[in-house]
Amino acid sequence: MTKEQIAYLAGFIDADGTISIRKDRKKYKPHISISNTNRPVLEYFYDLIGSGAICNHGRSKKNHAKAYSIRWEYNKALKIAKFCYPYLHVKKERAGLLINEWKAYTPRNGYYTPEIWEKKLDLVKRMRVLNKRGPKRGLDFG
């Protein structure tokens, strides 16, 4: 991938994407997704990365365009976060959490000590705070 292609992907993640930690049953997983009404651009990212899951979400209302999304999870999400990090603005802090802390609190053997499990849950909590909708912390609209 060229720097321009990575920057293009990062722009879509910043504008129409999500960087989060999702819970699937009892397991947490890093997750990056992009939603858009332009399926060909999502197919471009699929070809660029070499993987991903493209989903059709249909229409939310009669006069709305069809919506689609592409998502990456686990190591692929971590790799994308690392590549895109220098070009992200809005979601840079979220990508940084995944890059810097996910592997540290995810033992390869799946055995969590109580201390590591608490740190993992704290990481999930901090990511949720960053992903919370509404006015962001520190912005003055007055």
C-alpha atoms as a PDB file:
ATOM      1  CA  MET A   1       0.000   0.000   0.000  1.00  0.00           C
ATOM      2  CA  THR A   2       1.163   3.507  -0.760  1.00  0.00           C
ATOM      3  CA  LYS A   3       1.059   6.338   1.766  1.00  0.00           C
ATOM      4  CA  GLU A   4      -1.700   7.949  -0.284  1.00  0.00           C
ATOM      5  CA  GLN A   5      -3.836   4.796  -0.129  1.00  0.00           C
ATOM      6  CA  ILE A   6      -3.323   4.522   3.626  1.00  0.00           C
ATOM      7  CA  ALA A   7      -4.202   8.205   4.084  1.00  0.00           C
ATOM      8  CA  TYR A   8      -7.346   7.690   1.963  1.00  0.00           C
ATOM      9  CA  LEU A   9      -8.394   4.746   4.150  1.00  0.00           C
ATOM     10  CA  ALA A  10      -7.655   6.770   7.298  1.00  0.00           C
ATOM     11  CA  GLY A  11      -9.836   9.607   6.006  1.00  0.00           C
ATOM     12  CA  PHE A  12     -12.769   7.244   5.557  1.00  0.00           C
ATOM     13  CA  ILE A  13     -12.216   5.764   9.011  1.00  0.00           C
ATOM     14  CA  ASP A  14     -12.143   9.274  10.524  1.00  0.00           C
ATOM     15  CA  ALA A  15     -15.289  10.364   8.689  1.00  0.00           C
ATOM     16  CA  ASP A  16     -17.480   7.274   8.308  1.00  0.00           C
ATOM     17  CA  GLY A  17     -15.734   4.702  10.463  1.00  0.00           C
ATOM     18  CA  THR A  18     -15.592   3.227  13.913  1.00  0.00           C
ATOM     19  CA  ILE A  19     -12.623   2.073  15.944  1.00  0.00           C
ATOM     20  CA  SER A  20     -13.868   0.114  18.925  1.00  0.00           C
ATOM     21  CA  ILE A  21     -13.665  -2.967  21.085  1.00  0.00           C
ATOM     22  CA  ARG A  22     -16.664  -5.232  20.590  1.00  0.00           C
ATOM     23  CA  LYS A  23     -17.914  -7.979  22.838  1.00  0.00           C
ATOM     24  CA  ASP A  24     -18.812 -11.252  21.150  1.00  0.00           C
ATOM     25  CA  ARG A  25     -20.273 -13.650  23.678  1.00  0.00           C
ATOM     26  CA  LYS A  26     -17.673 -13.550  26.460  1.00  0.00           C
ATOM     27  CA  LYS A  27     -14.800 -12.426  24.248  1.00  0.00           C
ATOM     28  CA  TYR A  28     -13.644  -8.896  23.476  1.00  0.00           C
ATOM     29  CA  LYS A  29     -12.180  -8.103  20.068  1.00  0.00           C
ATOM     30  CA  PRO A  30     -10.704  -5.039  18.368  1.00  0.00           C
ATOM     31  CA  HIS A  31     -12.976  -3.829  15.607  1.00  0.00           C
ATOM     32  CA  ILE A  32     -12.687  -1.294  12.761  1.00  0.00           C
ATOM     33  CA  SER A  33     -15.552  -0.628  10.375  1.00  0.00           C
ATOM     34  CA  ILE A  34     -16.582   1.874   7.714  1.00  0.00           C
ATOM     35  CA  SER A  35     -20.195   2.538   6.709  1.00  0.00           C
ATOM     36  CA  ASN A  36     -21.067   4.184   3.423  1.00  0.00           C
ATOM     37  CA  THR A  37     -23.680   4.208   0.657  1.00  0.00           C
ATOM     38  CA  ASN A  38     -20.981   3.754  -2.008  1.00  0.00           C
ATOM     39  CA  ARG A  39     -20.309   0.014  -2.185  1.00  0.00           C
ATOM     40  CA  PRO A  40     -17.489   0.321  -4.785  1.00  0.00           C
ATOM     41  CA  VAL A  41     -15.357   2.364  -2.380  1.00  0.00           C
ATOM     42  CA  LEU A  42     -15.774  -0.357   0.270  1.00  0.00           C
ATOM     43  CA  GLU A  43     -14.842  -2.971  -2.326  1.00  0.00           C
ATOM     44  CA  TYR A  44     -11.739  -0.876  -3.089  1.00  0.00           C
ATOM     45  CA  PHE A  45     -10.750  -1.101   0.604  1.00  0.00           C
ATOM     46  CA  TYR A  46     -11.444  -4.838   0.552  1.00  0.00           C
ATOM     47  CA  ASP A  47      -9.058  -5.234  -2.396  1.00  0.00           C
ATOM     48  CA  LEU A  48      -6.508  -2.875  -0.821  1.00  0.00           C
ATOM     49  CA  ILE A  49      -6.392  -4.746   2.506  1.00  0.00           C
ATOM     50  CA  GLY A  50      -7.033  -8.180   1.037  1.00  0.00           C
ATOM     51  CA  SER A  51      -9.810  -8.984   3.468  1.00  0.00           C
ATOM     52  CA  GLY A  52     -12.851  -7.674   5.278  1.00  0.00           C
ATOM     53  CA  ALA A  53     -16.541  -8.416   5.526  1.00  0.00           C
ATOM     54  CA  ILE A  54     -18.852  -6.248   3.422  1.00  0.00           C
ATOM     55  CA  CYS A  55     -22.458  -6.191   4.627  1.00  0.00           C
ATOM     56  CA  ASN A  56     -25.586  -4.829   2.972  1.00  0.00           C
ATOM     57  CA  HIS A  57     -27.764  -2.914   5.449  1.00  0.00           C
ATOM     58  CA  GLY A  58     -30.557  -2.048   3.019  1.00  0.00           C
ATOM     59  CA  ARG A  59     -32.443   1.218   3.404  1.00  0.00           C
ATOM     60  CA  SER A  60     -33.424   2.808   6.679  1.00  0.00           C
ATOM     61  CA  LYS A  61     -36.203   4.797   4.930  1.00  0.00           C
ATOM     62  CA  LYS A  62     -37.813   4.661   1.494  1.00  0.00           C
ATOM     63  CA  ASN A  63     -36.036   7.752   0.178  1.00  0.00           C
ATOM     64  CA  HIS A  64     -32.601   6.794   1.570  1.00  0.00           C
ATOM     65  CA  ALA A  65     -29.838   5.123  -0.416  1.00  0.00           C
ATOM     66  CA  LYS A  66     -28.782   1.575   0.405  1.00  0.00           C
ATOM     67  CA  ALA A  67     -26.159   1.442   3.134  1.00  0.00           C
ATOM     68  CA  TYR A  68     -23.145  -0.864   3.314  1.00  0.00           C
ATOM     69  CA  SER A  69     -20.322  -1.467   5.740  1.00  0.00           C
ATOM     70  CA  ILE A  70     -16.978  -3.204   5.787  1.00  0.00           C
ATOM     71  CA  ARG A  71     -15.382  -4.477   8.984  1.00  0.00           C
ATOM     72  CA  TRP A  72     -12.117  -5.923  10.182  1.00  0.00           C
ATOM     73  CA  GLU A  73     -11.509  -7.617  13.525  1.00  0.00           C
ATOM     74  CA  TYR A  74      -8.710  -8.971  15.695  1.00  0.00           C
ATOM     75  CA  ASN A  75      -5.185  -8.758  14.207  1.00  0.00           C
ATOM     76  CA  LYS A  76      -6.358  -7.248  10.922  1.00  0.00           C
ATOM     77  CA  ALA A  77      -8.009  -4.383  12.847  1.00  0.00           C
ATOM     78  CA  LEU A  78      -4.816  -3.862  14.849  1.00  0.00           C
ATOM     79  CA  LYS A  79      -2.745  -3.797  11.654  1.00  0.00           C
ATOM     80  CA  ILE A  80      -5.056  -1.239  10.025  1.00  0.00           C
ATOM     81  CA  ALA A  81      -4.988   0.928  13.158  1.00  0.00           C
ATOM     82  CA  LYS A  82      -1.186   0.888  13.091  1.00  0.00           C
ATOM     83  CA  PHE A  83      -0.968   1.741   9.371  1.00  0.00           C
ATOM     84  CA  CYS A  84      -3.548   4.529   9.583  1.00  0.00           C
ATOM     85  CA  TYR A  85      -2.441   6.027  12.915  1.00  0.00           C
ATOM     86  CA  PRO A  86      -0.208   8.783  11.452  1.00  0.00           C
ATOM     87  CA  TYR A  87      -3.062   9.979   9.204  1.00  0.00           C
ATOM     88  CA  LEU A  88      -5.940   9.846  11.681  1.00  0.00           C
ATOM     89  CA  HIS A  89      -7.236  12.970  13.396  1.00  0.00           C
ATOM     90  CA  VAL A  90     -10.658  12.334  14.929  1.00  0.00           C
ATOM     91  CA  LYS A  91     -10.076   8.704  15.903  1.00  0.00           C
ATOM     92  CA  LYS A  92      -6.335   8.849  16.562  1.00  0.00           C
ATOM     93  CA  GLU A  93      -6.691   8.349  20.335  1.00  0.00           C
ATOM     94  CA  ARG A  94      -8.836   5.239  19.813  1.00  0.00           C
ATOM     95  CA  ALA A  95      -6.325   3.752  17.388  1.00  0.00           C
ATOM     96  CA  GLY A  96      -3.561   4.527  19.887  1.00  0.00           C
ATOM     97  CA  LEU A  97      -5.355   2.576  22.608  1.00  0.00           C
ATOM     98  CA  LEU A  98      -5.563  -0.485  20.369  1.00  0.00           C
ATOM     99  CA  ILE A  99      -1.972  -0.193  19.173  1.00  0.00           C
ATOM    100  CA  ASN A 100      -0.390   0.455  22.567  1.00  0.00           C
ATOM    101  CA  GLU A 101      -2.502  -1.573  24.974  1.00  0.00           C
ATOM    102  CA  TRP A 102      -4.491  -4.358  23.315  1.00  0.00           C
ATOM    103  CA  LYS A 103      -1.675  -6.922  23.050  1.00  0.00           C
ATOM    104  CA  ALA A 104      -0.394  -6.101  26.546  1.00  0.00           C
ATOM    105  CA  TYR A 105      -3.743  -7.075  28.082  1.00  0.00           C
ATOM    106  CA  THR A 106      -4.464 -10.072  25.834  1.00  0.00           C
ATOM    107  CA  PRO A 107      -2.399 -13.106  26.822  1.00  0.00           C
ATOM    108  CA  ARG A 108      -1.647 -15.493  23.968  1.00  0.00           C
ATOM    109  CA  ASN A 109      -2.642 -18.515  26.035  1.00  0.00           C
ATOM    110  CA  GLY A 110      -6.030 -16.975  26.902  1.00  0.00           C
ATOM    111  CA  TYR A 111      -5.344 -17.158  30.641  1.00  0.00           C
ATOM    112  CA  TYR A 112      -6.069 -13.867  32.354  1.00  0.00           C
ATOM    113  CA  THR A 113      -4.758 -13.100  35.786  1.00  0.00           C
ATOM    114  CA  PRO A 114      -7.181 -10.961  37.816  1.00  0.00           C
ATOM    115  CA  GLU A 115      -4.848  -7.971  37.353  1.00  0.00           C
ATOM    116  CA  ILE A 116      -4.653  -8.314  33.564  1.00  0.00           C
ATOM    117  CA  TRP A 117      -8.417  -8.865  33.324  1.00  0.00           C
ATOM    118  CA  GLU A 118      -9.045  -5.638  35.288  1.00  0.00           C
ATOM    119  CA  LYS A 119      -6.678  -3.750  32.956  1.00  0.00           C
ATOM    120  CA  LYS A 120      -8.481  -5.208  29.931  1.00  0.00           C
ATOM    121  CA  LEU A 121     -11.860  -4.104  31.295  1.00  0.00           C
ATOM    122  CA  ASP A 122     -10.420  -0.648  31.986  1.00  0.00           C
ATOM    123  CA  LEU A 123      -9.230  -0.471  28.366  1.00  0.00           C
ATOM    124  CA  VAL A 124     -12.732  -1.407  27.168  1.00  0.00           C
ATOM    125  CA  LYS A 125     -14.228   1.275  29.436  1.00  0.00           C
ATOM    126  CA  ARG A 126     -11.841   3.974  28.144  1.00  0.00           C
ATOM    127  CA  MET A 127     -12.651   3.026  24.540  1.00  0.00           C
ATOM    128  CA  ARG A 128     -16.383   3.285  25.273  1.00  0.00           C
ATOM    129  CA  VAL A 129     -15.901   6.762  26.716  1.00  0.00           C
ATOM    130  CA  LEU A 130     -14.105   7.837  23.540  1.00  0.00           C
ATOM    131  CA  ASN A 131     -16.874   6.350  21.370  1.00  0.00           C
ATOM    132  CA  LYS A 132     -19.715   7.928  23.333  1.00  0.00           C
ATOM    133  CA  ARG A 133     -21.894  10.160  21.180  1.00  0.00           C
ATOM    134  CA  GLY A 134     -22.583  13.790  21.919  1.00  0.00           C
ATOM    135  CA  PRO A 135     -20.331  16.794  22.478  1.00  0.00           C
ATOM    136  CA  LYS A 136     -16.750  15.724  23.054  1.00  0.00           C
ATOM    137  CA  ARG A 137     -14.763  16.589  26.137  1.00  0.00           C
ATOM    138  CA  GLY A 138     -12.851  19.848  26.063  1.00  0.00           C
ATOM    139  CA  LEU A 139     -14.758  21.504  23.220  1.00  0.00           C
ATOM    140  CA  ASP A 140     -16.216  24.926  23.914  1.00  0.00           C
ATOM    141  CA  PHE A 141     -19.259  25.729  21.791  1.00  0.00           C
ATOM    142  CA  GLY A 142     -20.072  28.983  23.613  1.00  0.00           C
END
